[in-house]
């Protein structure tokens, strides 16, 4: 079997590129999560402030990839879904979905740019 010159360097370059790509995607998702949380908190009804304070995000890594999870509610604001979606007695006051819908249109392009920018083509 013949050795191909430079194959080790190519493998090394690809491995480091993948690591760099993952780091940039994680940083981008972290910044996106922080911005979305701020926008959701701003849009949330603030009778007591508990619901706005309950908005959280986390960037989750799994074997299948990376995802951004945003949560609202919890023990201090268990009623958040009723506010977001409404009930038979109260209309919906959506404060999460508008932010999510606004960002979901931009996410594929942002991820594509992040992936492209993570590679050194020189």
Protein backbone atom coordinates (compact mmCIF):
# COMPACT_ATOMS: atom_id res chain seq x y z
CA UNK A 1 0.00 0.00 0.00
CA UNK A 2 1.40 3.40 -0.97
CA UNK A 3 1.59 6.28 1.47
CA UNK A 4 -0.01 9.50 0.36
CA UNK A 5 2.03 12.53 1.35
CA UNK A 6 0.18 14.96 3.60
CA UNK A 7 -2.70 12.68 4.54
CA UNK A 8 -1.81 12.94 8.23
CA UNK A 9 -1.83 16.74 8.03
CA UNK A 10 -5.18 16.63 6.25
CA UNK A 11 -6.69 14.42 8.95
CA UNK A 12 -5.32 16.67 11.66
CA UNK A 13 -6.64 19.76 9.90
CA UNK A 14 -10.11 18.23 9.54
CA UNK A 15 -10.18 17.17 13.20
CA UNK A 16 -9.19 20.62 14.44
CA UNK A 17 -11.69 22.20 12.03
CA UNK A 18 -14.50 20.09 13.44
CA UNK A 19 -13.54 21.10 17.00
CA UNK A 20 -13.41 24.77 15.98
CA UNK A 21 -16.77 24.44 14.23
CA UNK A 22 -18.43 22.94 17.30
CA UNK A 23 -16.98 25.66 19.57
CA UNK A 24 -18.26 28.42 17.29
CA UNK A 25 -21.70 26.83 17.04
CA UNK A 26 -21.88 26.52 20.82
CA UNK A 27 -20.86 30.16 21.27
CA UNK A 28 -23.39 31.28 18.66
CA UNK A 29 -26.20 29.29 20.27
CA UNK A 30 -25.23 30.62 23.69
CA UNK A 31 -25.43 34.21 22.43
CA UNK A 32 -28.72 33.49 20.67
CA UNK A 33 -30.16 31.95 23.86
CA UNK A 34 -29.17 34.96 25.94
CA UNK A 35 -30.70 37.36 23.42
CA UNK A 36 -33.93 35.36 23.13
CA UNK A 37 -34.30 35.17 26.91
CA UNK A 38 -33.89 38.94 27.15
CA UNK A 39 -36.53 39.49 24.44
CA UNK A 40 -38.97 37.00 26.03
CA UNK A 41 -38.50 38.58 29.45
CA UNK A 42 -39.15 42.01 27.95
CA UNK A 43 -42.36 40.79 26.28
CA UNK A 44 -43.65 38.81 29.30
CA UNK A 45 -46.53 40.24 31.34
CA UNK A 46 -45.12 41.56 34.59
CA UNK A 47 -47.78 41.48 37.24
CA UNK A 48 -45.29 40.15 39.79
CA UNK A 49 -42.24 39.60 37.56
CA UNK A 50 -42.07 35.89 38.45
CA UNK A 51 -42.87 34.73 34.93
CA UNK A 52 -40.24 36.95 33.31
CA UNK A 53 -37.70 35.85 35.90
CA UNK A 54 -38.48 32.18 35.19
CA UNK A 55 -37.26 32.32 31.57
CA UNK A 56 -34.07 30.30 31.15
CA UNK A 57 -32.02 28.76 28.38
CA UNK A 58 -29.41 26.07 28.02
CA UNK A 59 -27.30 24.81 25.17
CA UNK A 60 -27.48 21.03 25.20
CA UNK A 61 -24.96 18.71 23.55
CA UNK A 62 -26.02 15.19 22.62
CA UNK A 63 -24.70 12.47 20.35
CA UNK A 64 -27.05 13.78 17.66
CA UNK A 65 -25.86 17.38 17.84
CA UNK A 66 -26.42 20.58 19.73
CA UNK A 67 -29.70 22.26 20.59
CA UNK A 68 -30.92 25.36 22.34
CA UNK A 69 -33.62 24.82 24.96
CA UNK A 70 -35.63 27.69 26.34
CA UNK A 71 -37.88 27.10 29.33
CA UNK A 72 -40.50 29.29 30.92
CA UNK A 73 -42.40 28.63 34.11
CA UNK A 74 -41.49 26.24 36.83
CA UNK A 75 -42.73 26.27 40.40
CA UNK A 76 -42.76 30.06 40.73
CA UNK A 77 -44.61 30.60 37.45
CA UNK A 78 -46.50 27.36 36.78
CA UNK A 79 -49.20 29.42 35.03
CA UNK A 80 -46.92 30.49 32.14
CA UNK A 81 -48.53 28.11 29.59
CA UNK A 82 -51.97 29.50 30.43
CA UNK A 83 -50.74 33.02 29.73
CA UNK A 84 -48.97 32.02 26.51
CA UNK A 85 -51.81 29.93 25.05
CA UNK A 86 -54.84 31.33 26.87
CA UNK A 87 -57.69 29.49 28.55
CA UNK A 88 -61.44 29.32 28.12
CA UNK A 89 -61.64 32.29 30.51
CA UNK A 90 -58.66 34.38 29.41
CA UNK A 91 -57.22 35.22 25.99
CA UNK A 92 -53.68 34.23 25.04
CA UNK A 93 -50.92 36.70 25.66
CA UNK A 94 -48.15 35.20 23.57
CA UNK A 95 -44.74 36.38 24.66
CA UNK A 96 -42.61 33.33 23.81
CA UNK A 97 -43.82 32.26 20.37
CA UNK A 98 -43.33 35.62 18.63
CA UNK A 99 -39.67 35.67 19.67
CA UNK A 100 -39.17 32.03 18.66
CA UNK A 101 -40.89 32.52 15.28
CA UNK A 102 -38.82 35.61 14.59
CA UNK A 103 -35.55 33.79 15.31
CA UNK A 104 -36.38 30.45 13.68
CA UNK A 105 -36.35 32.10 10.26
CA UNK A 106 -32.79 33.33 10.82
CA UNK A 107 -31.27 30.25 12.48
CA UNK A 108 -30.45 28.18 9.35
CA UNK A 109 -28.57 31.08 7.75
CA UNK A 110 -26.75 31.90 10.97
CA UNK A 111 -25.69 28.28 11.42
CA UNK A 112 -24.53 28.11 7.82
CA UNK A 113 -22.44 31.26 8.30
CA UNK A 114 -21.01 29.95 11.56
CA UNK A 115 -20.04 26.64 9.96
CA UNK A 116 -18.49 28.38 6.96
CA UNK A 117 -16.59 30.87 9.13
CA UNK A 118 -15.22 28.07 11.31
CA UNK A 119 -13.11 26.66 8.46
CA UNK A 120 -9.82 28.15 7.39
CA UNK A 121 -9.75 28.01 3.59
CA UNK A 122 -6.35 29.61 3.17
